[in-house]
Amino acid sequence: MFYYFLTPLKNSFSAFNLFEYITFRAASAAIMALIISFIIGPWFIRILYKNQIGEEIRPTGPESHMKKRGTPTMGGVIILIAVLLPTILFADLTSPLIQIIIVATIWMGIF
C-alpha cells in the first residue's frame, strides 16, 4: 500500500523515490515484521495465558512433559500477522507472485 500511496509523491518530495526500490521495501518490511512480533507477541501470549488456551499433556506421557502443561500453542498466529501485514503494506500487490504468496500463506495458516 505504501508503494501505491507514496511513489506518486516522489515528484514533490524526492525521499519517496525510495519506495520504488525493492531492497528498501524488503528491508522495511523485515524491520516492521520484527517490531510487530516484539510488540504483538507478549501481548498475545498474555491473552492466551489469561484465557487458559494452552497445551494439554496426556497423563500417560513422560513425566518430563508435564512441565509443559499450559504453554500457549497459538504462536503461529503471531508469525502470520508479522509476515502478512508488512507484505501487504510494502509489496507491489499487482504482482501475481505476491498474490500467490499471500494466498498460500493464508491457506497454510488456516490448515
PDB file of N, CA and C in Angstrom:
ATOM      1  N   MET A   1       0.801  -1.178   0.000  1.00  0.00           N
ATOM      2  CA  MET A   1       0.000   0.000   0.000  1.00  0.00           C
ATOM      3  C   MET A   1       0.855   1.258   0.000  1.00  0.00           C
ATOM      4  N   PHE A   2       1.942   1.232   0.800  1.00  0.00           N
ATOM      5  CA  PHE A   2       2.823   2.395   0.788  1.00  0.00           C
ATOM      6  C   PHE A   2       3.385   2.623  -0.613  1.00  0.00           C
ATOM      7  N   TYR A   3       3.606   1.526  -1.330  1.00  0.00           N
ATOM      8  CA  TYR A   3       4.139   1.609  -2.685  1.00  0.00           C
ATOM      9  C   TYR A   3       3.213   2.444  -3.565  1.00  0.00           C
ATOM     10  N   TYR A   4       1.923   2.257  -3.442  1.00  0.00           N
ATOM     11  CA  TYR A   4       0.964   2.967  -4.287  1.00  0.00           C
ATOM     12  C   TYR A   4       0.699   4.381  -3.810  1.00  0.00           C
ATOM     13  N   PHE A   5       0.730   4.602  -2.510  1.00  0.00           N
ATOM     14  CA  PHE A   5       0.425   5.923  -1.976  1.00  0.00           C
ATOM     15  C   PHE A   5       1.609   6.880  -2.031  1.00  0.00           C
ATOM     16  N   LEU A   6       2.814   6.369  -1.810  1.00  0.00           N
ATOM     17  CA  LEU A   6       3.963   7.254  -1.668  1.00  0.00           C
ATOM     18  C   LEU A   6       4.803   7.400  -2.934  1.00  0.00           C
ATOM     19  N   THR A   7       4.789   6.425  -3.824  1.00  0.00           N
ATOM     20  CA  THR A   7       5.576   6.531  -5.046  1.00  0.00           C
ATOM     21  C   THR A   7       5.127   7.683  -5.947  1.00  0.00           C
ATOM     22  N   PRO A   8       3.836   7.939  -6.117  1.00  0.00           N
ATOM     23  CA  PRO A   8       3.448   9.092  -6.946  1.00  0.00           C
ATOM     24  C   PRO A   8       3.880  10.442  -6.361  1.00  0.00           C
ATOM     25  N   LEU A   9       4.182  10.476  -5.081  1.00  0.00           N
ATOM     26  CA  LEU A   9       4.601  11.723  -4.455  1.00  0.00           C
ATOM     27  C   LEU A   9       6.093  12.007  -4.616  1.00  0.00           C
ATOM     28  N   LYS A  10       6.808  11.138  -5.338  1.00  0.00           N
ATOM     29  CA  LYS A  10       8.258  11.313  -5.488  1.00  0.00           C
ATOM     30  C   LYS A  10       8.615  12.599  -6.226  1.00  0.00           C
ATOM     31  N   ASN A  11       7.714  13.113  -7.054  1.00  0.00           N
ATOM     32  CA  ASN A  11       7.990  14.367  -7.749  1.00  0.00           C
ATOM     33  C   ASN A  11       7.931  15.560  -6.796  1.00  0.00           C
ATOM     34  N   SER A  12       7.135  15.444  -5.741  1.00  0.00           N
ATOM     35  CA  SER A  12       7.030  16.517  -4.753  1.00  0.00           C
ATOM     36  C   SER A  12       8.137  16.443  -3.711  1.00  0.00           C
ATOM     37  N   PHE A  13       8.470  15.236  -3.291  1.00  0.00           N
ATOM     38  CA  PHE A  13       9.477  15.038  -2.257  1.00  0.00           C
ATOM     39  C   PHE A  13      10.324  13.836  -2.663  1.00  0.00           C
ATOM     40  N   SER A  14      11.586  14.056  -2.949  1.00  0.00           N
ATOM     41  CA  SER A  14      12.432  13.025  -3.555  1.00  0.00           C
ATOM     42  C   SER A  14      12.681  11.819  -2.646  1.00  0.00           C
ATOM     43  N   ALA A  15      12.478  11.944  -1.344  1.00  0.00           N
ATOM     44  CA  ALA A  15      12.711  10.803  -0.443  1.00  0.00           C
ATOM     45  C   ALA A  15      11.720   9.669  -0.710  1.00  0.00           C
ATOM     46  N   PHE A  16      10.556   9.996  -1.254  1.00  0.00           N
ATOM     47  CA  PHE A  16       9.572   8.958  -1.560  1.00  0.00           C
ATOM     48  C   PHE A  16      10.003   8.085  -2.732  1.00  0.00           C
ATOM     49  N   ASN A  17      11.059   8.471  -3.419  1.00  0.00           N
ATOM     50  CA  ASN A  17      11.607   7.659  -4.504  1.00  0.00           C
ATOM     51  C   ASN A  17      12.146   6.328  -3.962  1.00  0.00           C
ATOM     52  N   LEU A  18      12.477   6.283  -2.679  1.00  0.00           N
ATOM     53  CA  LEU A  18      12.987   5.051  -2.076  1.00  0.00           C
ATOM     54  C   LEU A  18      11.998   3.901  -2.186  1.00  0.00           C
ATOM     55  N   PHE A  19      10.710   4.209  -2.201  1.00  0.00           N
ATOM     56  CA  PHE A  19       9.702   3.155  -2.243  1.00  0.00           C
ATOM     57  C   PHE A  19       9.639   2.453  -3.593  1.00  0.00           C
ATOM     58  N   GLU A  20      10.344   2.938  -4.578  1.00  0.00           N
ATOM     59  CA  GLU A  20      10.425   2.227  -5.859  1.00  0.00           C
ATOM     60  C   GLU A  20      11.445   1.093  -5.806  1.00  0.00           C
ATOM     61  N   TYR A  21      12.366   1.141  -4.853  1.00  0.00           N
ATOM     62  CA  TYR A  21      13.421   0.138  -4.760  1.00  0.00           C
ATOM     63  C   TYR A  21      12.972  -1.044  -3.911  1.00  0.00           C
ATOM     64  N   ILE A  22      13.096  -2.229  -4.485  1.00  0.00           N
ATOM     65  CA  ILE A  22      12.670  -3.441  -3.791  1.00  0.00           C
ATOM     66  C   ILE A  22      13.518  -3.702  -2.558  1.00  0.00           C
ATOM     67  N   THR A  23      14.787  -3.331  -2.589  1.00  0.00           N
ATOM     68  CA  THR A  23      15.645  -3.560  -1.429  1.00  0.00           C
ATOM     69  C   THR A  23      15.193  -2.719  -0.235  1.00  0.00           C
ATOM     70  N   PHE A  24      14.805  -1.486  -0.483  1.00  0.00           N
ATOM     71  CA  PHE A  24      14.314  -0.636   0.603  1.00  0.00           C
ATOM     72  C   PHE A  24      13.011  -1.179   1.166  1.00  0.00           C
ATOM     73  N   ARG A  25      12.117  -1.594   0.285  1.00  0.00           N
ATOM     74  CA  ARG A  25      10.829  -2.125   0.744  1.00  0.00           C
ATOM     75  C   ARG A  25      11.003  -3.446   1.479  1.00  0.00           C
ATOM     76  N   ALA A  26      11.922  -4.288   1.022  1.00  0.00           N
ATOM     77  CA  ALA A  26      12.160  -5.576   1.696  1.00  0.00           C
ATOM     78  C   ALA A  26      12.776  -5.361   3.077  1.00  0.00           C
ATOM     79  N   ALA A  27      13.735  -4.464   3.170  1.00  0.00           N
ATOM     80  CA  ALA A  27      14.353  -4.176   4.473  1.00  0.00           C
ATOM     81  C   ALA A  27      13.339  -3.547   5.422  1.00  0.00           C
ATOM     82  N   SER A  28      12.520  -2.638   4.917  1.00  0.00           N
ATOM     83  CA  SER A  28      11.492  -2.011   5.748  1.00  0.00           C
ATOM     84  C   SER A  28      10.477  -3.035   6.223  1.00  0.00           C
ATOM     85  N   ALA A  29      10.084  -3.942   5.351  1.00  0.00           N
ATOM     86  CA  ALA A  29       9.131  -4.992   5.731  1.00  0.00           C
ATOM     87  C   ALA A  29       9.734  -5.924   6.775  1.00  0.00           C
ATOM     88  N   ALA A  30      11.008  -6.257   6.635  1.00  0.00           N
ATOM     89  CA  ALA A  30      11.665  -7.135   7.616  1.00  0.00           C
ATOM     90  C   ALA A  30      11.742  -6.458   8.985  1.00  0.00           C
ATOM     91  N   ILE A  31      12.089  -5.196   9.003  1.00  0.00           N
ATOM     92  CA  ILE A  31      12.161  -4.457  10.272  1.00  0.00           C
ATOM     93  C   ILE A  31      10.772  -4.333  10.890  1.00  0.00           C
ATOM     94  N   MET A  32       9.778  -4.067  10.052  1.00  0.00           N
ATOM     95  CA  MET A  32       8.413  -3.947  10.566  1.00  0.00           C
ATOM     96  C   MET A  32       7.910  -5.285  11.113  1.00  0.00           C
ATOM     97  N   ALA A  33       8.238  -6.393  10.451  1.00  0.00           N
ATOM     98  CA  ALA A  33       7.841  -7.714  10.939  1.00  0.00           C
ATOM     99  C   ALA A  33       8.470  -7.995  12.304  1.00  0.00           C
ATOM    100  N   LEU A  34       9.714  -7.614  12.476  1.00  0.00           N
ATOM    101  CA  LEU A  34      10.387  -7.806  13.755  1.00  0.00           C
ATOM    102  C   LEU A  34       9.722  -6.976  14.847  1.00  0.00           C
ATOM    103  N   ILE A  35       9.415  -5.729  14.538  1.00  0.00           N
ATOM    104  CA  ILE A  35       8.760  -4.857  15.519  1.00  0.00           C
ATOM    105  C   ILE A  35       7.370  -5.374  15.867  1.00  0.00           C
ATOM    106  N   ILE A  36       6.624  -5.826  14.857  1.00  0.00           N
ATOM    107  CA  ILE A  36       5.284  -6.380  15.107  1.00  0.00           C
ATOM    108  C   ILE A  36       5.362  -7.593  16.020  1.00  0.00           C
ATOM    109  N   SER A  37       6.296  -8.479  15.757  1.00  0.00           N
ATOM    110  CA  SER A  37       6.403  -9.681  16.597  1.00  0.00           C
ATOM    111  C   SER A  37       6.835  -9.329  18.011  1.00  0.00           C
ATOM    112  N   PHE A  38       7.668  -8.310  18.188  1.00  0.00           N
ATOM    113  CA  PHE A  38       8.079  -7.893  19.530  1.00  0.00           C
ATOM    114  C   PHE A  38       6.955  -7.212  20.282  1.00  0.00           C
ATOM    115  N   ILE A  39       6.091  -6.489  19.577  1.00  0.00           N
ATOM    116  CA  ILE A  39       5.001  -5.769  20.245  1.00  0.00           C
ATOM    117  C   ILE A  39       3.793  -6.673  20.455  1.00  0.00           C
ATOM    118  N   ILE A  40       3.371  -7.362  19.407  1.00  0.00           N
ATOM    119  CA  ILE A  40       2.166  -8.189  19.495  1.00  0.00           C
ATOM    120  C   ILE A  40       2.428  -9.482  20.262  1.00  0.00           C
ATOM    121  N   GLY A  41       3.621 -10.034  20.165  1.00  0.00           N
ATOM    122  CA  GLY A  41       3.935 -11.317  20.786  1.00  0.00           C
ATOM    123  C   GLY A  41       3.636 -11.386  22.269  1.00  0.00           C
ATOM    124  N   PRO A  42       4.265 -10.553  23.086  1.00  0.00           N
ATOM    125  CA  PRO A  42       3.991 -10.633  24.534  1.00  0.00           C
ATOM    126  C   PRO A  42       2.530 -10.348  24.885  1.00  0.00           C
ATOM    127  N   TRP A  43       1.918  -9.411  24.196  1.00  0.00           N
ATOM    128  CA  TRP A  43       0.516  -9.085  24.445  1.00  0.00           C
ATOM    129  C   TRP A  43      -0.376 -10.292  24.143  1.00  0.00           C
ATOM    130  N   PHE A  44      -0.129 -10.944  23.002  1.00  0.00           N
ATOM    131  CA  PHE A  44      -0.927 -12.091  22.585  1.00  0.00           C
ATOM    132  C   PHE A  44      -0.723 -13.280  23.525  1.00  0.00           C
ATOM    133  N   ILE A  45       0.504 -13.491  23.969  1.00  0.00           N
ATOM    134  CA  ILE A  45       0.788 -14.598  24.884  1.00  0.00           C
ATOM    135  C   ILE A  45       0.093 -14.373  26.227  1.00  0.00           C
ATOM    136  N   ARG A  46       0.071 -13.117  26.712  1.00  0.00           N
ATOM    137  CA  ARG A  46      -0.654 -12.826  27.954  1.00  0.00           C
ATOM    138  C   ARG A  46      -2.139 -13.140  27.813  1.00  0.00           C
ATOM    139  N   ILE A  47      -2.722 -12.805  26.658  1.00  0.00           N
ATOM    140  CA  ILE A  47      -4.136 -13.109  26.413  1.00  0.00           C
ATOM    141  C   ILE A  47      -4.363 -14.622  26.416  1.00  0.00           C
ATOM    142  N   LEU A  48      -3.455 -15.374  25.795  1.00  0.00           N
ATOM    143  CA  LEU A  48      -3.593 -16.833  25.768  1.00  0.00           C
ATOM    144  C   LEU A  48      -3.502 -17.418  27.174  1.00  0.00           C
ATOM    145  N   TYR A  49      -2.559 -16.920  27.983  1.00  0.00           N
ATOM    146  CA  TYR A  49      -2.459 -17.401  29.369  1.00  0.00           C
ATOM    147  C   TYR A  49      -3.717 -17.070  30.161  1.00  0.00           C
ATOM    148  N   LYS A  50      -4.231 -15.839  29.978  1.00  0.00           N
ATOM    149  CA  LYS A  50      -5.405 -15.414  30.738  1.00  0.00           C
ATOM    150  C   LYS A  50      -6.632 -16.252  30.376  1.00  0.00           C
ATOM    151  N   ASN A  51      -6.773 -16.600  29.104  1.00  0.00           N
ATOM    152  CA  ASN A  51      -7.913 -17.398  28.655  1.00  0.00           C
ATOM    153  C   ASN A  51      -7.649 -18.899  28.751  1.00  0.00           C
ATOM    154  N   GLN A  52      -6.522 -19.272  29.324  1.00  0.00           N
ATOM    155  CA  GLN A  52      -6.130 -20.665  29.533  1.00  0.00           C
ATOM    156  C   GLN A  52      -6.166 -21.482  28.244  1.00  0.00           C
ATOM    157  N   ILE A  53      -5.654 -20.887  27.170  1.00  0.00           N
ATOM    158  CA  ILE A  53      -5.516 -21.606  25.903  1.00  0.00           C
ATOM    159  C   ILE A  53      -4.085 -22.120  25.861  1.00  0.00           C
ATOM    160  N   GLY A  54      -3.920 -23.377  26.172  1.00  0.00           N
ATOM    161  CA  GLY A  54      -2.569 -23.912  26.254  1.00  0.00           C
ATOM    162  C   GLY A  54      -2.504 -25.384  25.923  1.00  0.00           C
ATOM    163  N   GLU A  55      -1.320 -25.902  26.053  1.00  0.00           N
ATOM    164  CA  GLU A  55      -1.015 -27.288  25.711  1.00  0.00           C
ATOM    165  C   GLU A  55      -1.617 -28.233  26.749  1.00  0.00           C
ATOM    166  N   GLU A  56      -2.305 -29.239  26.267  1.00  0.00           N
ATOM    167  CA  GLU A  56      -2.806 -30.309  27.138  1.00  0.00           C
ATOM    168  C   GLU A  56      -1.842 -31.485  27.036  1.00  0.00           C
ATOM    169  N   ILE A  57      -1.409 -31.959  28.160  1.00  0.00           N
ATOM    170  CA  ILE A  57      -0.459 -33.079  28.207  1.00  0.00           C
ATOM    171  C   ILE A  57      -1.199 -34.329  28.680  1.00  0.00           C
ATOM    172  N   ARG A  58      -1.031 -35.406  27.948  1.00  0.00           N
ATOM    173  CA  ARG A  58      -1.657 -36.674  28.348  1.00  0.00           C
ATOM    174  C   ARG A  58      -0.970 -37.222  29.604  1.00  0.00           C
ATOM    175  N   PRO A  59      -1.733 -37.751  30.513  1.00  0.00           N
ATOM    176  CA  PRO A  59      -1.109 -38.294  31.738  1.00  0.00           C
ATOM    177  C   PRO A  59      -0.273 -39.536  31.474  1.00  0.00           C
ATOM    178  N   THR A  60      -0.460 -40.169  30.320  1.00  0.00           N
ATOM    179  CA  THR A  60       0.317 -41.372  30.012  1.00  0.00           C
ATOM    180  C   THR A  60       1.691 -41.049  29.439  1.00  0.00           C
ATOM    181  N   GLY A  61       1.961 -39.779  29.189  1.00  0.00           N
ATOM    182  CA  GLY A  61       3.244 -39.390  28.609  1.00  0.00           C
ATOM    183  C   GLY A  61       4.357 -39.372  29.642  1.00  0.00           C
ATOM    184  N   PRO A  62       5.557 -39.066  29.186  1.00  0.00           N
ATOM    185  CA  PRO A  62       6.698 -38.994  30.113  1.00  0.00           C
ATOM    186  C   PRO A  62       6.496 -37.898  31.162  1.00  0.00           C
ATOM    187  N   GLU A  63       7.059 -38.100  32.325  1.00  0.00           N
ATOM    188  CA  GLU A  63       6.930 -37.142  33.431  1.00  0.00           C
ATOM    189  C   GLU A  63       7.579 -35.796  33.080  1.00  0.00           C
ATOM    190  N   SER A  64       8.615 -35.820  32.248  1.00  0.00           N
ATOM    191  CA  SER A  64       9.300 -34.576  31.884  1.00  0.00           C
ATOM    192  C   SER A  64       8.412 -33.661  31.030  1.00  0.00           C
ATOM    193  N   HIS A  65       7.393 -34.195  30.385  1.00  0.00           N
ATOM    194  CA  HIS A  65       6.491 -33.385  29.568  1.00  0.00           C
ATOM    195  C   HIS A  65       5.436 -32.656  30.399  1.00  0.00           C
ATOM    196  N   MET A  66       5.265 -33.052  31.640  1.00  0.00           N
ATOM    197  CA  MET A  66       4.224 -32.448  32.474  1.00  0.00           C
ATOM    198  C   MET A  66       4.492 -30.969  32.744  1.00  0.00           C
ATOM    199  N   LYS A  67       5.750 -30.554  32.706  1.00  0.00           N
ATOM    200  CA  LYS A  67       6.059 -29.144  32.954  1.00  0.00           C
ATOM    201  C   LYS A  67       5.618 -28.250  31.786  1.00  0.00           C
ATOM    202  N   LYS A  68       5.251 -28.844  30.655  1.00  0.00           N
ATOM    203  CA  LYS A  68       4.784 -28.084  29.501  1.00  0.00           C
ATOM    204  C   LYS A  68       3.302 -27.737  29.572  1.00  0.00           C
ATOM    205  N   ARG A  69       2.605 -28.259  30.548  1.00  0.00           N
ATOM    206  CA  ARG A  69       1.160 -28.031  30.673  1.00  0.00           C
ATOM    207  C   ARG A  69       0.871 -26.529  30.764  1.00  0.00           C
ATOM    208  N   GLY A  70      -0.079 -26.063  29.951  1.00  0.00           N
ATOM    209  CA  GLY A  70      -0.491 -24.663  29.974  1.00  0.00           C
ATOM    210  C   GLY A  70       0.305 -23.759  29.056  1.00  0.00           C
ATOM    211  N   THR A  71       1.304 -24.294  28.354  1.00  0.00           N
ATOM    212  CA  THR A  71       2.087 -23.480  27.427  1.00  0.00           C
ATOM    213  C   THR A  71       1.203 -23.066  26.251  1.00  0.00           C
ATOM    214  N   PRO A  72       1.126 -21.761  25.917  1.00  0.00           N
ATOM    215  CA  PRO A  72       0.285 -21.324  24.793  1.00  0.00           C
ATOM    216  C   PRO A  72       0.715 -21.992  23.485  1.00  0.00           C
ATOM    217  N   THR A  73      -0.280 -22.366  22.664  1.00  0.00           N
ATOM    218  CA  THR A  73       0.016 -23.132  21.453  1.00  0.00           C
ATOM    219  C   THR A  73      -0.348 -22.403  20.163  1.00  0.00           C
ATOM    220  N   MET A  74      -0.714 -21.137  20.234  1.00  0.00           N
ATOM    221  CA  MET A  74      -1.140 -20.431  19.025  1.00  0.00           C
ATOM    222  C   MET A  74      -0.128 -19.372  18.591  1.00  0.00           C
ATOM    223  N   GLY A  75       1.149 -19.627  18.784  1.00  0.00           N
ATOM    224  CA  GLY A  75       2.188 -18.677  18.407  1.00  0.00           C
ATOM    225  C   GLY A  75       2.286 -18.459  16.907  1.00  0.00           C
ATOM    226  N   GLY A  76       1.766 -19.386  16.122  1.00  0.00           N
ATOM    227  CA  GLY A  76       1.788 -19.237  14.668  1.00  0.00           C
ATOM    228  C   GLY A  76       0.968 -18.056  14.187  1.00  0.00           C
ATOM    229  N   VAL A  77      -0.034 -17.675  14.967  1.00  0.00           N
ATOM    230  CA  VAL A  77      -0.844 -16.510  14.601  1.00  0.00           C
ATOM    231  C   VAL A  77       0.023 -15.259  14.608  1.00  0.00           C
ATOM    232  N   ILE A  78       0.934 -15.150  15.562  1.00  0.00           N
ATOM    233  CA  ILE A  78       1.846 -14.008  15.629  1.00  0.00           C
ATOM    234  C   ILE A  78       2.730 -13.982  14.385  1.00  0.00           C
ATOM    235  N   ILE A  79       3.209 -15.124  13.977  1.00  0.00           N
ATOM    236  CA  ILE A  79       4.063 -15.202  12.793  1.00  0.00           C
ATOM    237  C   ILE A  79       3.280 -14.806  11.546  1.00  0.00           C
ATOM    238  N   LEU A  80       2.046 -15.281  11.429  1.00  0.00           N
ATOM    239  CA  LEU A  80       1.235 -14.926  10.257  1.00  0.00           C
ATOM    240  C   LEU A  80       0.985 -13.418  10.185  1.00  0.00           C
ATOM    241  N   ILE A  81       0.667 -12.808  11.311  1.00  0.00           N
ATOM    242  CA  ILE A  81       0.448 -11.357  11.323  1.00  0.00           C
ATOM    243  C   ILE A  81       1.733 -10.624  10.979  1.00  0.00           C
ATOM    244  N   ALA A  82       2.853 -11.080  11.555  1.00  0.00           N
ATOM    245  CA  ALA A  82       4.135 -10.420  11.316  1.00  0.00           C
ATOM    246  C   ALA A  82       4.623 -10.594   9.877  1.00  0.00           C
ATOM    247  N   VAL A  83       4.148 -11.590   9.178  1.00  0.00           N
ATOM    248  CA  VAL A  83       4.534 -11.785   7.777  1.00  0.00           C
ATOM    249  C   VAL A  83       3.569 -11.079   6.832  1.00  0.00           C
ATOM    250  N   LEU A  84       2.279 -11.239   7.072  1.00  0.00           N
ATOM    251  CA  LEU A  84       1.280 -10.722   6.128  1.00  0.00           C
ATOM    252  C   LEU A  84       1.133  -9.206   6.166  1.00  0.00           C
ATOM    253  N   LEU A  85       1.145  -8.615   7.334  1.00  0.00           N
ATOM    254  CA  LEU A  85       0.940  -7.168   7.423  1.00  0.00           C
ATOM    255  C   LEU A  85       2.041  -6.370   6.705  1.00  0.00           C
ATOM    256  N   PRO A  86       3.327  -6.635   6.945  1.00  0.00           N
ATOM    257  CA  PRO A  86       4.350  -5.912   6.179  1.00  0.00           C
ATOM    258  C   PRO A  86       4.309  -6.221   4.676  1.00  0.00           C
ATOM    259  N   THR A  87       3.932  -7.445   4.323  1.00  0.00           N
ATOM    260  CA  THR A  87       3.832  -7.773   2.901  1.00  0.00           C
ATOM    261  C   THR A  87       2.747  -6.938   2.239  1.00  0.00           C
ATOM    262  N   ILE A  88       1.608  -6.831   2.900  1.00  0.00           N
ATOM    263  CA  ILE A  88       0.518  -6.034   2.333  1.00  0.00           C
ATOM    264  C   ILE A  88       0.893  -4.555   2.277  1.00  0.00           C
ATOM    265  N   LEU A  89       1.634  -4.080   3.262  1.00  0.00           N
ATOM    266  CA  LEU A  89       1.978  -2.656   3.304  1.00  0.00           C
ATOM    267  C   LEU A  89       3.105  -2.277   2.354  1.00  0.00           C
ATOM    268  N   PHE A  90       4.074  -3.152   2.133  1.00  0.00           N
ATOM    269  CA  PHE A  90       5.270  -2.766   1.375  1.00  0.00           C
ATOM    270  C   PHE A  90       5.399  -3.406  -0.005  1.00  0.00           C
ATOM    271  N   ALA A  91       4.659  -4.455  -0.317  1.00  0.00           N
ATOM    272  CA  ALA A  91       4.844  -5.165  -1.589  1.00  0.00           C
ATOM    273  C   ALA A  91       4.006  -4.540  -2.695  1.00  0.00           C
ATOM    274  N   ASP A  92       4.382  -4.853  -3.911  1.00  0.00           N
ATOM    275  CA  ASP A  92       3.612  -4.469  -5.093  1.00  0.00           C
ATOM    276  C   ASP A  92       2.497  -5.503  -5.249  1.00  0.00           C
ATOM    277  N   LEU A  93       1.311  -5.145  -4.819  1.00  0.00           N
ATOM    278  CA  LEU A  93       0.213  -6.117  -4.765  1.00  0.00           C
ATOM    279  C   LEU A  93      -0.353  -6.485  -6.130  1.00  0.00           C
ATOM    280  N   THR A  94       0.073  -5.806  -7.195  1.00  0.00           N
ATOM    281  CA  THR A  94      -0.385  -6.183  -8.536  1.00  0.00           C
ATOM    282  C   THR A  94       0.431  -7.340  -9.104  1.00  0.00           C
ATOM    283  N   SER A  95       1.527  -7.671  -8.464  1.00  0.00           N
ATOM    284  CA  SER A  95       2.370  -8.774  -8.926  1.00  0.00           C
ATOM    285  C   SER A  95       1.675 -10.104  -8.629  1.00  0.00           C
ATOM    286  N   PRO A  96       1.540 -10.962  -9.645  1.00  0.00           N
ATOM    287  CA  PRO A  96       0.905 -12.264  -9.402  1.00  0.00           C
ATOM    288  C   PRO A  96       1.696 -13.128  -8.419  1.00  0.00           C
ATOM    289  N   LEU A  97       3.006 -12.960  -8.373  1.00  0.00           N
ATOM    290  CA  LEU A  97       3.809 -13.750  -7.440  1.00  0.00           C
ATOM    291  C   LEU A  97       3.491 -13.366  -5.993  1.00  0.00           C
ATOM    292  N   ILE A  98       3.340 -12.087  -5.734  1.00  0.00           N
ATOM    293  CA  ILE A  98       2.986 -11.632  -4.390  1.00  0.00           C
ATOM    294  C   ILE A  98       1.591 -12.130  -4.022  1.00  0.00           C
ATOM    295  N   GLN A  99       0.679 -12.094  -4.961  1.00  0.00           N
ATOM    296  CA  GLN A  99      -0.680 -12.570  -4.705  1.00  0.00           C
ATOM    297  C   GLN A  99      -0.685 -14.062  -4.362  1.00  0.00           C
ATOM    298  N   ILE A 100       0.117 -14.838  -5.074  1.00  0.00           N
ATOM    299  CA  ILE A 100       0.217 -16.277  -4.799  1.00  0.00           C
ATOM    300  C   ILE A 100       0.803 -16.511  -3.408  1.00  0.00           C
ATOM    301  N   ILE A 101       1.824 -15.734  -3.055  1.00  0.00           N
ATOM    302  CA  ILE A 101       2.453 -15.890  -1.745  1.00  0.00           C
ATOM    303  C   ILE A 101       1.470 -15.567  -0.625  1.00  0.00           C
ATOM    304  N   ILE A 102       0.704 -14.498  -0.789  1.00  0.00           N
ATOM    305  CA  ILE A 102      -0.268 -14.110   0.242  1.00  0.00           C
ATOM    306  C   ILE A 102      -1.336 -15.182   0.390  1.00  0.00           C
ATOM    307  N   VAL A 103      -1.881 -15.648  -0.731  1.00  0.00           N
ATOM    308  CA  VAL A 103      -2.923 -16.684  -0.674  1.00  0.00           C
ATOM    309  C   VAL A 103      -2.367 -17.977  -0.069  1.00  0.00           C
ATOM    310  N   ALA A 104      -1.164 -18.375  -0.461  1.00  0.00           N
ATOM    311  CA  ALA A 104      -0.575 -19.610   0.067  1.00  0.00           C
ATOM    312  C   ALA A 104      -0.290 -19.492   1.561  1.00  0.00           C
ATOM    313  N   THR A 105       0.160 -18.330   2.009  1.00  0.00           N
ATOM    314  CA  THR A 105       0.436 -18.139   3.430  1.00  0.00           C
ATOM    315  C   THR A 105      -0.846 -18.210   4.250  1.00  0.00           C
ATOM    316  N   ILE A 106      -1.888 -17.553   3.770  1.00  0.00           N
ATOM    317  CA  ILE A 106      -3.170 -17.614   4.481  1.00  0.00           C
ATOM    318  C   ILE A 106      -3.710 -19.040   4.459  1.00  0.00           C
ATOM    319  N   TRP A 107      -3.617 -19.693   3.316  1.00  0.00           N
ATOM    320  CA  TRP A 107      -4.115 -21.063   3.178  1.00  0.00           C
ATOM    321  C   TRP A 107      -3.404 -22.003   4.158  1.00  0.00           C
ATOM    322  N   MET A 108      -2.090 -21.941   4.203  1.00  0.00           N
ATOM    323  CA  MET A 108      -1.339 -22.816   5.105  1.00  0.00           C
ATOM    324  C   MET A 108      -1.566 -22.434   6.565  1.00  0.00           C
ATOM    325  N   GLY A 109      -1.802 -21.147   6.829  1.00  0.00           N
ATOM    326  CA  GLY A 109      -2.068 -20.721   8.197  1.00  0.00           C
ATOM    327  C   GLY A 109      -3.411 -21.203   8.701  1.00  0.00           C
ATOM    328  N   ILE A 110      -4.377 -21.339   7.819  1.00  0.00           N
ATOM    329  CA  ILE A 110      -5.701 -21.828   8.212  1.00  0.00           C
ATOM    330  C   ILE A 110      -5.642 -23.314   8.522  1.00  0.00           C
ATOM    331  N   PHE A 111      -4.898 -24.067   7.731  1.00  0.00           N
ATOM    332  CA  PHE A 111      -4.847 -25.507   7.907  1.00  0.00           C
ATOM    333  C   PHE A 111      -3.553 -25.881   8.566  1.00  0.00           C
TER     334      PHE A 111
END
